[in-house]
Amino acid sequence: MLRTLLPATALALVATALAPAPTTYAADGGDAATSSSASARAATAERSATSRKINHQGWDGSAQWKKGRLDSARIKRGRVFHQPAAATARRELGGTTYTTARWNGPWHRPGFAFTELIASWEAKTPGDSWIEVEVKGRAADGRRSSWDLMGRWAAGDKFVERTTVSGQSDDLASVNVDTWKAPAGLVAYRLRVTLGRRAGAGSNPPSVGAVGAMASRLPSGSVQASAPGVVSKAGGKVLPVPTYSQMIHQGHYPQWGNGGEAWCSPTSTSMVLGYYDALPAAKDYSWVPAGHPDPWVDHAARMTYDHGYDGTGNWPFNTAYAARQTGSAFVTRLRSMREAEVLVAAGIPVVISIAFDRGQLTGAPISASNGHLMVVVGFTANGDVVVNDPAGASNGAVRRTYDRGQLENTWLPRSGGTAYVITDADRPLPSPEKHSNW
């Protein structure tokens, strides 16, 4: 299933608003009128970017975890562990009894009235165990929402089906797959992580190494193309990210989406893992029959499948899978391609979520999509975007270069600039203290 970013009734309106126009940039030595026009466009794009209110807050490491409250849990080596001896709360799932432990996070104020929130995490769930991530919000007048479930997750699928629960629209907010929506705006939120372990199980309990959330309040409508940033000004840069096609998996495993157009997210995630030399071990995907190309993509589809949503396009399920391989991954939103350039300059490819109608993305291998993911791997010297688009018919047809303005208008207005940021120890985030969104 493709990740639908907008309801079908809105697509025609957006298609008109996002009708592409050629994007031009002033060259050094251009005439005064051209330079003035380019400066005006850059100023407009900069104002548009600053109006995009985005905050990502993460909790990890012992000092951060201690800001919350532990119930039947303990902190060890920077992780929150289920503590079986102390766990007294019980939960029934599918006829199995689990003991549970919790980390109750502190209230966080992102600094603006946010309307959407996406949580993400890194966790280990050995044996018959799982985690749940919930969110609770507070309005400016002090009203508080109920706890809403953002996801029940396990690294595997032998015992528990990972799932989201859309709806939960009983008060101030509701859940749409992996996105918490509060149209009237909320000023603060807190997260809660529950760790479940089959009652009577022995050692090796589940643990959480990181949890966080992106909160945003974004303007609507099309955007002015951002001016080229740090990578383009340096003459361009393209990261050596391997190319994998989702289309060569058409018909694979109907129980996990049937491959093809449904697997853009796990295919994109797999390309980034391949770049980090962090693909799963061969034994992990040994269940894939011989002859299936790139079997790690089949594995990623299975390990990211959301049984509630009935698809592999769940954003935090993909980053949770990636985080198990590289050590760190989360969902956030970027304000423009200039921020993507900052990450690429640091050696970090970025998975972005887009949607487009016919004629809105020149050179795309598919004519339209209600929800599609691809990897930003670099930029040309004039600022256009080099991507690995998994919709290419073969691995050799995946690498593409898209017009910067066209791509930003399929990304920023349609998914809010949603991105997977996946890193490893060798490529840390650039100056995170200077960026509110990572």
Protein backbone atom coordinates (compact mmCIF):
# COMPACT_ATOMS: atom_id res chain seq x y z
CA MET A 1 0.00 0.00 0.00
CA LEU A 2 1.30 3.45 -0.91
CA ARG A 3 1.49 6.02 1.88
CA THR A 4 -1.42 8.39 1.11
CA LEU A 5 -0.49 11.86 2.30
CA LEU A 6 -3.69 13.72 1.39
CA PRO A 7 -7.31 12.63 1.03
CA ALA A 8 -8.36 12.04 -2.56
CA THR A 9 -10.77 15.00 -2.47
CA ALA A 10 -7.86 17.39 -1.87
CA LEU A 11 -5.54 16.12 -4.59
CA ALA A 12 -7.11 18.10 -7.43
CA LEU A 13 -6.84 21.34 -5.46
CA VAL A 14 -3.20 20.68 -4.62
CA ALA A 15 -2.43 19.77 -8.23
CA THR A 16 -3.52 23.26 -9.30
CA ALA A 17 -1.61 24.95 -6.50
CA LEU A 18 1.58 23.01 -7.22
CA ALA A 19 1.64 23.26 -11.02
CA PRO A 20 5.38 23.31 -11.76
CA ALA A 21 7.22 26.20 -13.27
CA PRO A 22 10.85 26.27 -14.40
CA THR A 23 13.21 27.07 -11.56
CA THR A 24 16.12 29.38 -12.35
CA TYR A 25 19.02 30.63 -10.30
CA ALA A 26 21.11 33.74 -10.87
CA ALA A 27 24.60 32.97 -12.11
CA ASP A 28 27.64 34.90 -10.92
CA GLY A 29 28.08 37.97 -13.11
CA GLY A 30 24.40 38.06 -14.18
CA ASP A 31 22.70 41.35 -15.00
CA ALA A 32 21.26 43.49 -12.22
CA ALA A 33 17.62 42.67 -13.00
CA THR A 34 18.29 38.92 -12.90
CA SER A 35 20.26 39.19 -9.68
CA SER A 36 17.56 41.34 -8.08
CA SER A 37 14.88 38.82 -9.06
CA ALA A 38 16.95 35.95 -7.68
CA SER A 39 17.50 37.86 -4.43
CA ALA A 40 13.77 38.47 -4.09
CA ARG A 41 13.06 34.78 -4.67
CA ALA A 42 15.67 33.80 -2.10
CA ALA A 43 14.20 36.21 0.45
CA THR A 44 10.70 34.83 -0.15
CA ALA A 45 11.97 31.27 0.23
CA GLU A 46 13.80 32.19 3.45
CA ARG A 47 10.63 33.73 4.93
CA SER A 48 8.71 30.60 3.95
CA ALA A 49 11.28 28.38 5.69
CA THR A 50 11.25 30.41 8.91
CA SER A 51 7.45 30.22 9.05
CA ARG A 52 7.71 26.44 9.26
CA LYS A 53 7.60 25.77 13.00
CA ILE A 54 9.31 22.43 13.73
CA ASN A 55 10.78 21.03 16.92
CA HIS A 56 12.33 17.62 17.53
CA GLN A 57 12.98 16.59 21.11
CA GLY A 58 14.71 13.35 21.99
CA TRP A 59 15.40 11.49 25.22
CA ASP A 60 18.33 9.10 25.41
CA GLY A 61 21.22 8.37 27.76
CA SER A 62 21.00 8.13 31.52
CA ALA A 63 20.78 11.89 32.18
CA GLN A 64 17.84 12.33 29.81
CA TRP A 65 16.01 9.24 31.01
CA LYS A 66 16.24 10.45 34.61
CA LYS A 67 14.10 13.47 33.68
CA GLY A 68 11.16 11.07 33.50
CA ARG A 69 9.67 8.67 36.05
CA LEU A 70 10.32 4.93 36.11
CA ASP A 71 7.66 2.36 36.98
CA SER A 72 9.08 -1.17 37.38
CA ALA A 73 11.95 -0.20 35.08
CA ARG A 74 15.62 0.63 35.52
CA ILE A 75 18.31 2.56 33.68
CA LYS A 76 21.47 0.73 32.70
CA ARG A 77 24.16 1.66 30.15
CA GLY A 78 22.05 4.58 28.94
CA ARG A 79 18.98 2.42 28.23
CA VAL A 80 15.65 1.89 29.98
CA PHE A 81 15.12 -1.79 30.77
CA HIS A 82 12.05 -3.79 31.72
CA GLN A 83 12.81 -5.06 35.22
CA PRO A 84 11.02 -8.42 35.51
CA ALA A 85 11.50 -8.81 39.26
CA ALA A 86 9.77 -5.49 39.91
CA ALA A 87 7.14 -5.61 37.14
CA THR A 88 3.72 -6.13 38.70
CA ALA A 89 1.34 -4.66 36.09
CA ARG A 90 0.02 -7.24 33.63
CA ARG A 91 -1.45 -7.07 30.16
CA GLU A 92 -3.28 -9.65 28.05
CA LEU A 93 -2.48 -9.65 24.33
CA GLY A 94 -3.68 -12.42 22.03
CA GLY A 95 -4.19 -14.78 24.94
CA THR A 96 -0.68 -14.23 26.33
CA THR A 97 -0.02 -12.54 29.67
CA TYR A 98 2.76 -9.96 29.78
CA THR A 99 4.34 -8.08 32.66
CA THR A 100 4.89 -4.40 31.92
CA ALA A 101 7.20 -1.58 32.96
CA ARG A 102 7.11 2.11 32.03
CA TRP A 103 9.10 5.26 31.47
CA ASN A 104 6.87 8.31 31.96
CA GLY A 105 8.42 11.27 30.18
CA PRO A 106 8.41 14.91 31.35
CA TRP A 107 6.23 17.60 29.79
CA HIS A 108 7.90 19.27 26.81
CA ARG A 109 6.95 22.65 25.34
CA PRO A 110 8.20 23.04 21.75
CA GLY A 111 7.76 26.83 21.90
CA PHE A 112 4.68 27.14 19.65
CA ALA A 113 1.17 25.73 19.40
CA PHE A 114 1.76 22.56 17.42
CA THR A 115 -0.85 20.78 15.31
CA GLU A 116 0.96 17.53 14.44
CA LEU A 117 3.36 15.18 16.20
CA ILE A 118 5.26 12.09 15.07
CA ALA A 119 7.10 9.93 17.60
CA SER A 120 10.07 7.66 16.88
CA TRP A 121 12.30 5.35 18.92
CA GLU A 122 15.14 2.84 19.11
CA ALA A 123 14.42 -0.34 21.05
CA LYS A 124 15.38 -3.99 21.51
CA THR A 125 12.63 -6.59 21.92
CA PRO A 126 14.20 -10.03 22.41
CA GLY A 127 11.98 -13.10 22.58
CA ASP A 128 8.30 -12.53 23.25
CA SER A 129 8.45 -8.82 24.10
CA TRP A 130 7.32 -5.47 22.71
CA ILE A 131 7.09 -1.76 23.42
CA GLU A 132 4.29 0.79 23.16
CA VAL A 133 4.72 4.55 22.69
CA GLU A 134 1.94 6.89 23.77
CA VAL A 135 1.49 10.68 23.79
CA LYS A 136 -0.56 13.05 25.94
CA GLY A 137 -1.07 16.75 25.18
CA ARG A 138 -1.94 19.98 26.95
CA ALA A 139 -3.78 22.97 25.51
CA ALA A 140 -3.08 26.63 26.30
CA ASP A 141 -6.12 26.75 28.63
CA GLY A 142 -4.76 23.83 30.66
CA ARG A 143 -6.99 21.08 29.27
CA ARG A 144 -5.24 17.74 28.87
CA SER A 145 -5.86 14.99 26.36
CA SER A 146 -6.05 11.30 27.09
CA TRP A 147 -3.06 9.06 26.41
CA ASP A 148 -3.14 8.08 22.72
CA LEU A 149 -1.27 5.05 21.39
CA MET A 150 1.23 5.92 18.63
CA GLY A 151 2.38 2.36 18.04
CA ARG A 152 2.87 -1.10 19.45
CA TRP A 153 6.19 -2.32 18.09
CA ALA A 154 8.46 -5.34 18.11
CA ALA A 155 11.57 -5.91 16.05
CA GLY A 156 10.24 -9.25 14.81
CA ASP A 157 6.77 -10.63 14.12
CA LYS A 158 6.87 -14.12 15.61
CA PHE A 159 4.88 -13.27 18.74
CA VAL A 160 3.30 -9.83 18.41
CA GLU A 161 2.03 -7.98 15.35
CA ARG A 162 3.39 -4.43 15.27
CA THR A 163 0.52 -2.03 14.74
CA THR A 164 -0.88 1.47 14.95
CA VAL A 165 -4.45 2.39 15.88
CA SER A 166 -5.92 5.19 13.78
CA GLY A 167 -8.77 7.19 15.28
CA GLN A 168 -8.68 7.68 19.08
CA SER A 169 -10.49 10.97 18.41
CA ASP A 170 -12.22 11.26 21.77
CA ASP A 171 -10.85 14.64 22.86
CA LEU A 172 -8.17 17.16 21.79
CA ALA A 173 -6.34 15.05 19.21
CA SER A 174 -6.60 12.00 16.98
CA VAL A 175 -4.24 9.50 15.39
CA ASN A 176 -3.76 9.05 11.64
CA VAL A 177 -1.51 5.98 11.31
CA ASP A 178 1.71 7.38 12.81
CA THR A 179 0.77 11.08 13.05
CA TRP A 180 -0.93 12.70 16.03
CA LYS A 181 -3.17 15.54 14.86
CA ALA A 182 -4.43 18.39 17.04
CA PRO A 183 -6.03 20.95 14.68
CA ALA A 184 -6.71 23.55 17.38
CA GLY A 185 -3.10 23.43 18.54
CA LEU A 186 -1.47 22.20 21.76
CA VAL A 187 1.33 23.86 23.69
CA ALA A 188 2.95 20.85 25.41
CA TYR A 189 3.15 17.08 25.28
CA ARG A 190 4.67 14.16 27.10
CA LEU A 191 5.57 10.68 25.93
CA ARG A 192 5.14 7.37 27.72
CA VAL A 193 6.92 4.13 26.83
CA THR A 194 5.61 0.78 28.04
CA LEU A 195 7.82 -2.32 27.82
CA GLY A 196 6.07 -5.69 27.81
CA ARG A 197 7.60 -9.11 28.42
CA ARG A 198 5.85 -12.50 28.49
CA ALA A 199 5.12 -13.37 32.11
CA GLY A 200 7.58 -15.88 33.48
CA ALA A 201 10.24 -15.20 30.85
CA GLY A 202 13.82 -15.26 32.05
CA SER A 203 16.70 -12.89 31.41
CA ASN A 204 17.38 -10.61 28.43
CA PRO A 205 14.46 -8.17 28.85
CA PRO A 206 13.32 -5.53 26.31
CA SER A 207 14.93 -2.10 26.46
CA VAL A 208 14.67 1.34 24.87
CA GLY A 209 17.73 3.35 23.88
CA ALA A 210 15.99 6.47 22.59
CA VAL A 211 12.55 7.97 22.16
CA GLY A 212 11.59 11.33 20.71
CA ALA A 213 8.98 13.30 18.86
CA MET A 214 8.74 15.87 16.11
CA ALA A 215 6.09 18.54 16.71
CA SER A 216 5.17 21.01 13.98
CA ARG A 217 2.88 23.81 12.91
CA LEU A 218 3.17 24.42 9.19
CA PRO A 219 1.73 26.84 6.64
CA SER A 220 -0.27 25.50 3.70
CA GLY A 221 0.21 26.05 -0.02
CA SER A 222 3.05 25.83 -2.49
CA VAL A 223 6.55 27.08 -1.70
CA GLN A 224 9.18 29.15 -3.46
CA ALA A 225 12.22 27.08 -4.36
CA SER A 226 14.96 27.48 -1.78
CA ALA A 227 18.28 28.88 -2.93
CA PRO A 228 21.14 26.39 -3.31
CA GLY A 229 22.95 25.74 -0.05
CA VAL A 230 26.29 24.56 1.25
CA VAL A 231 26.72 21.50 -1.00
CA SER A 232 25.73 23.23 -4.23
CA LYS A 233 27.92 26.22 -3.50
CA ALA A 234 30.84 23.83 -3.15
CA GLY A 235 30.24 22.52 -6.67
CA GLY A 236 27.86 19.73 -5.78
CA LYS A 237 28.23 16.41 -3.99
CA VAL A 238 26.69 12.96 -4.44
CA LEU A 239 26.94 10.28 -1.74
CA PRO A 240 27.68 6.69 -2.89
CA VAL A 241 24.30 5.27 -1.83
CA PRO A 242 23.51 1.95 -3.56
CA THR A 243 20.50 1.83 -5.87
CA TYR A 244 17.66 -0.64 -5.20
CA SER A 245 14.41 -0.79 -7.15
CA GLN A 246 11.12 -1.53 -5.40
CA MET A 247 9.59 -2.54 -8.74
CA ILE A 248 11.67 -5.70 -9.14
CA HIS A 249 9.87 -7.03 -6.05
CA GLN A 250 6.41 -6.84 -7.59
CA GLY A 251 4.31 -9.80 -6.41
CA HIS A 252 6.55 -10.65 -3.46
CA TYR A 253 4.76 -11.54 -0.23
CA PRO A 254 1.14 -10.33 -0.51
CA GLN A 255 0.88 -10.61 3.29
CA TRP A 256 3.39 -7.75 3.58
CA GLY A 257 2.22 -5.50 0.77
CA ASN A 258 2.98 -7.48 -2.42
CA GLY A 259 6.12 -5.55 -3.37
CA GLY A 260 6.24 -3.13 -6.28
CA GLU A 261 4.73 0.30 -5.67
CA ALA A 262 3.90 -0.62 -2.06
CA TRP A 263 7.53 -0.99 -0.97
CA CYS A 264 9.03 2.46 -1.56
CA SER A 265 9.66 3.03 2.15
CA PRO A 266 11.51 -0.19 3.07
CA THR A 267 13.43 0.00 -0.22
CA SER A 268 14.55 3.56 0.53
CA THR A 269 15.47 2.59 4.08
CA SER A 270 17.47 -0.36 2.74
CA MET A 271 19.42 1.89 0.37
CA VAL A 272 20.54 4.04 3.29
CA LEU A 273 21.48 0.95 5.33
CA GLY A 274 23.49 -0.30 2.35
CA TYR A 275 25.36 3.02 2.28
CA TYR A 276 26.27 2.59 5.95
CA ASP A 277 27.26 -1.06 5.38
CA ALA A 278 24.54 -1.89 7.90
CA LEU A 279 22.23 -4.22 6.00
CA PRO A 280 20.94 -7.18 8.04
CA ALA A 281 23.06 -10.32 8.23
CA ALA A 282 22.36 -13.01 5.64
CA LYS A 283 20.91 -15.31 8.31
CA ASP A 284 18.22 -12.72 9.04
CA TYR A 285 16.77 -12.95 5.54
CA SER A 286 17.57 -16.62 4.89
CA TRP A 287 13.80 -17.24 4.77
CA VAL A 288 13.68 -15.38 1.42
CA PRO A 289 13.87 -17.93 -1.43
CA ALA A 290 16.98 -18.11 -3.60
CA GLY A 291 16.59 -16.06 -6.73
CA HIS A 292 14.86 -13.09 -5.13
CA PRO A 293 16.99 -10.03 -5.96
CA ASP A 294 18.11 -7.86 -3.07
CA PRO A 295 16.49 -10.11 -0.43
CA TRP A 296 17.24 -7.57 2.31
CA VAL A 297 14.46 -5.43 0.81
CA ASP A 298 11.94 -8.27 1.31
CA HIS A 299 13.21 -8.54 4.89
CA ALA A 300 12.86 -4.80 5.49
CA ALA A 301 9.27 -4.88 4.17
CA ARG A 302 8.38 -7.65 6.60
CA MET A 303 10.11 -5.93 9.53
CA THR A 304 8.40 -2.56 8.90
CA TYR A 305 4.90 -3.85 8.13
CA ASP A 306 2.13 -2.16 10.13
CA HIS A 307 -0.77 -4.58 10.56
CA GLY A 308 -3.15 -1.78 11.57
CA TYR A 309 -2.33 0.39 8.58
CA ASP A 310 -1.87 -2.66 6.33
CA GLY A 311 1.31 -1.41 4.71
CA THR A 312 5.06 -0.82 4.97
CA GLY A 313 4.89 2.99 4.80
CA ASN A 314 4.74 3.65 8.54
CA TRP A 315 7.41 6.30 9.08
CA PRO A 316 8.60 5.49 12.65
CA PHE A 317 8.40 1.73 12.03
CA ASN A 318 10.97 2.27 9.27
CA THR A 319 13.28 4.36 11.43
CA ALA A 320 12.93 1.91 14.33
CA TYR A 321 14.05 -0.86 11.98
CA ALA A 322 16.96 1.27 10.72
CA ALA A 323 17.99 2.28 14.24
CA ARG A 324 18.46 -1.39 15.13
CA GLN A 325 21.03 -1.58 12.30
CA THR A 326 22.93 1.71 12.57
CA GLY A 327 22.32 2.82 16.15
CA SER A 328 20.34 5.99 15.44
CA ALA A 329 17.35 6.93 13.27
CA PHE A 330 14.32 9.15 13.75
CA VAL A 331 11.51 10.90 11.90
CA THR A 332 11.53 14.68 11.63
CA ARG A 333 10.56 17.42 9.21
CA LEU A 334 12.91 19.73 7.33
CA ARG A 335 12.15 23.32 6.35
CA SER A 336 13.66 23.17 2.87
CA MET A 337 16.30 21.45 0.76
CA ARG A 338 18.88 23.74 2.36
CA GLU A 339 18.63 21.63 5.52
CA ALA A 340 18.93 18.47 3.44
CA GLU A 341 22.13 19.93 2.00
CA VAL A 342 23.53 20.42 5.52
CA LEU A 343 22.94 16.72 6.21
CA VAL A 344 24.37 15.57 2.87
CA ALA A 345 27.45 17.72 3.51
CA ALA A 346 27.91 15.71 6.74
CA GLY A 347 27.67 12.46 4.75
CA ILE A 348 24.08 11.70 5.78
CA PRO A 349 21.57 10.77 3.03
CA VAL A 350 17.95 11.74 3.74
CA VAL A 351 14.79 9.75 2.98
CA ILE A 352 11.94 12.13 2.07
CA SER A 353 8.19 11.57 1.72
CA ILE A 354 6.49 13.19 -1.29
CA ALA A 355 3.24 13.10 -3.28
CA PHE A 356 2.56 14.41 -6.77
CA ASP A 357 0.11 14.42 -9.67
CA ARG A 358 0.75 14.05 -13.38
CA GLY A 359 3.19 16.64 -14.71
CA GLN A 360 4.40 17.85 -11.33
CA LEU A 361 7.77 16.02 -11.22
CA THR A 362 9.61 15.99 -14.51
CA GLY A 363 11.64 12.83 -15.11
CA ALA A 364 9.92 10.70 -12.46
CA PRO A 365 9.62 6.99 -13.37
CA ILE A 366 5.95 6.97 -12.30
CA SER A 367 3.39 9.54 -13.46
CA ALA A 368 1.82 10.27 -10.06
CA SER A 369 1.67 9.08 -6.46
CA ASN A 370 -0.47 9.79 -3.41
CA GLY A 371 2.54 8.96 -1.23
CA HIS A 372 6.09 7.98 -2.19
CA LEU A 373 9.52 7.87 -0.55
CA MET A 374 12.98 8.32 -2.03
CA VAL A 375 16.51 9.07 -0.87
CA VAL A 376 18.18 12.46 -1.32
CA VAL A 377 21.79 11.47 -2.05
CA GLY A 378 23.26 14.74 -3.33
CA PHE A 379 22.99 18.01 -5.18
CA THR A 380 24.28 19.43 -8.44
CA ALA A 381 26.28 22.64 -8.61
CA ASN A 382 23.14 24.60 -9.59
CA GLY A 383 21.12 23.23 -6.70
CA ASP A 384 19.04 20.53 -8.31
CA VAL A 385 18.50 17.38 -6.25
CA VAL A 386 20.13 14.01 -6.96
CA VAL A 387 18.01 11.18 -5.61
CA ASN A 388 17.72 7.42 -5.51
CA ASP A 389 14.10 6.98 -6.57
CA PRO A 390 13.13 3.35 -5.86
CA ALA A 391 10.30 3.57 -8.40
CA GLY A 392 12.87 3.09 -11.17
CA ALA A 393 12.06 -0.07 -13.13
CA SER A 394 15.47 -1.61 -12.36
CA ASN A 395 18.37 -0.92 -10.02
CA GLY A 396 20.09 0.87 -12.88
CA ALA A 397 17.13 3.22 -13.34
CA VAL A 398 16.93 4.42 -9.73
CA ARG A 399 19.40 7.35 -9.79
CA ARG A 400 17.63 10.56 -10.93
CA THR A 401 18.11 14.33 -10.83
CA TYR A 402 15.00 16.41 -10.10
CA ASP A 403 14.33 20.11 -10.40
CA ARG A 404 14.77 21.63 -6.95
CA GLY A 405 11.57 23.69 -6.98
CA GLN A 406 9.43 20.88 -8.33
CA LEU A 407 10.71 18.41 -5.75
CA GLU A 408 10.28 20.82 -2.84
CA ASN A 409 6.66 21.36 -3.91
CA THR A 410 5.95 17.64 -3.89
CA TRP A 411 7.54 17.35 -0.45
CA LEU A 412 7.02 20.39 1.78
CA PRO A 413 3.28 21.01 1.18
CA ARG A 414 2.38 17.34 0.84
CA SER A 415 4.09 15.62 3.81
CA GLY A 416 5.21 18.74 5.65
CA GLY A 417 8.82 18.01 4.71
CA THR A 418 8.82 14.63 6.46
CA ALA A 419 12.21 12.90 6.46
CA TYR A 420 13.96 9.86 7.89
CA VAL A 421 17.32 10.86 9.37
CA ILE A 422 19.46 7.74 9.76
CA THR A 423 23.00 8.04 11.13
CA ASP A 424 25.80 5.93 12.52
CA ALA A 425 28.70 6.55 14.89
CA ASP A 426 31.02 7.65 12.07
CA ARG A 427 28.63 10.29 10.71
CA PRO A 428 27.07 12.21 13.61
CA LEU A 429 24.47 14.91 13.11
CA PRO A 430 25.93 18.30 12.19
CA SER A 431 25.69 20.90 14.97
CA PRO A 432 22.44 19.57 16.45
CA GLU A 433 22.38 22.39 19.00
CA LYS A 434 21.81 24.83 16.12
CA HIS A 435 18.81 22.99 14.70
CA SER A 436 15.49 22.65 16.48
CA ASN A 437 14.43 19.78 14.20
CA TRP A 438 17.24 17.29 14.90
